[in-house]
């Protein structure tokens, strides 16, 4: 599953803003992600932005087309506006982090539950036979006492 990273949020929100305002984003209008000389050229920019393009497509905000060494992102207007109104990709990123936190918390709770069950099982195994023998002896003595009183 493609995840949004903290670095991606600003770039995605900028692209989203341009998609809502203009309806289209050209690769020429995007800043290079890395500060290397080659990042200014289209084919390098296209590989740098591959992850971003996949996320834009995944969340249904736009469709990208690649021609030669450049790419264009066309907006899906209703969906782009809806995502922007709900807080943009920053809100999606926060939801993603919250979901991951809950999953970690749940797995920790399951682990603690299993550990506690193991401890209880060990305790039950050690104490069972002692209590069983004690109960059998008590029952026998109770039956003998009852029979002595009746006869």
Foldseek 3Di string as FASTA:
>chain_A
DQAQDPLLQVVQQVVLVCCQVPQKDKLQPDDQPDPDPCSNDQQNVCVVCVSVQVVCVVQQQWHKDDDDRIIMTGGPHVSSVVCVVVPHVVVVNVVVVVVVVVVVVVVVVVVVVVVVVVVVVVVCVVCVVVVVVVVVVVVVVVVVVVVVVVD
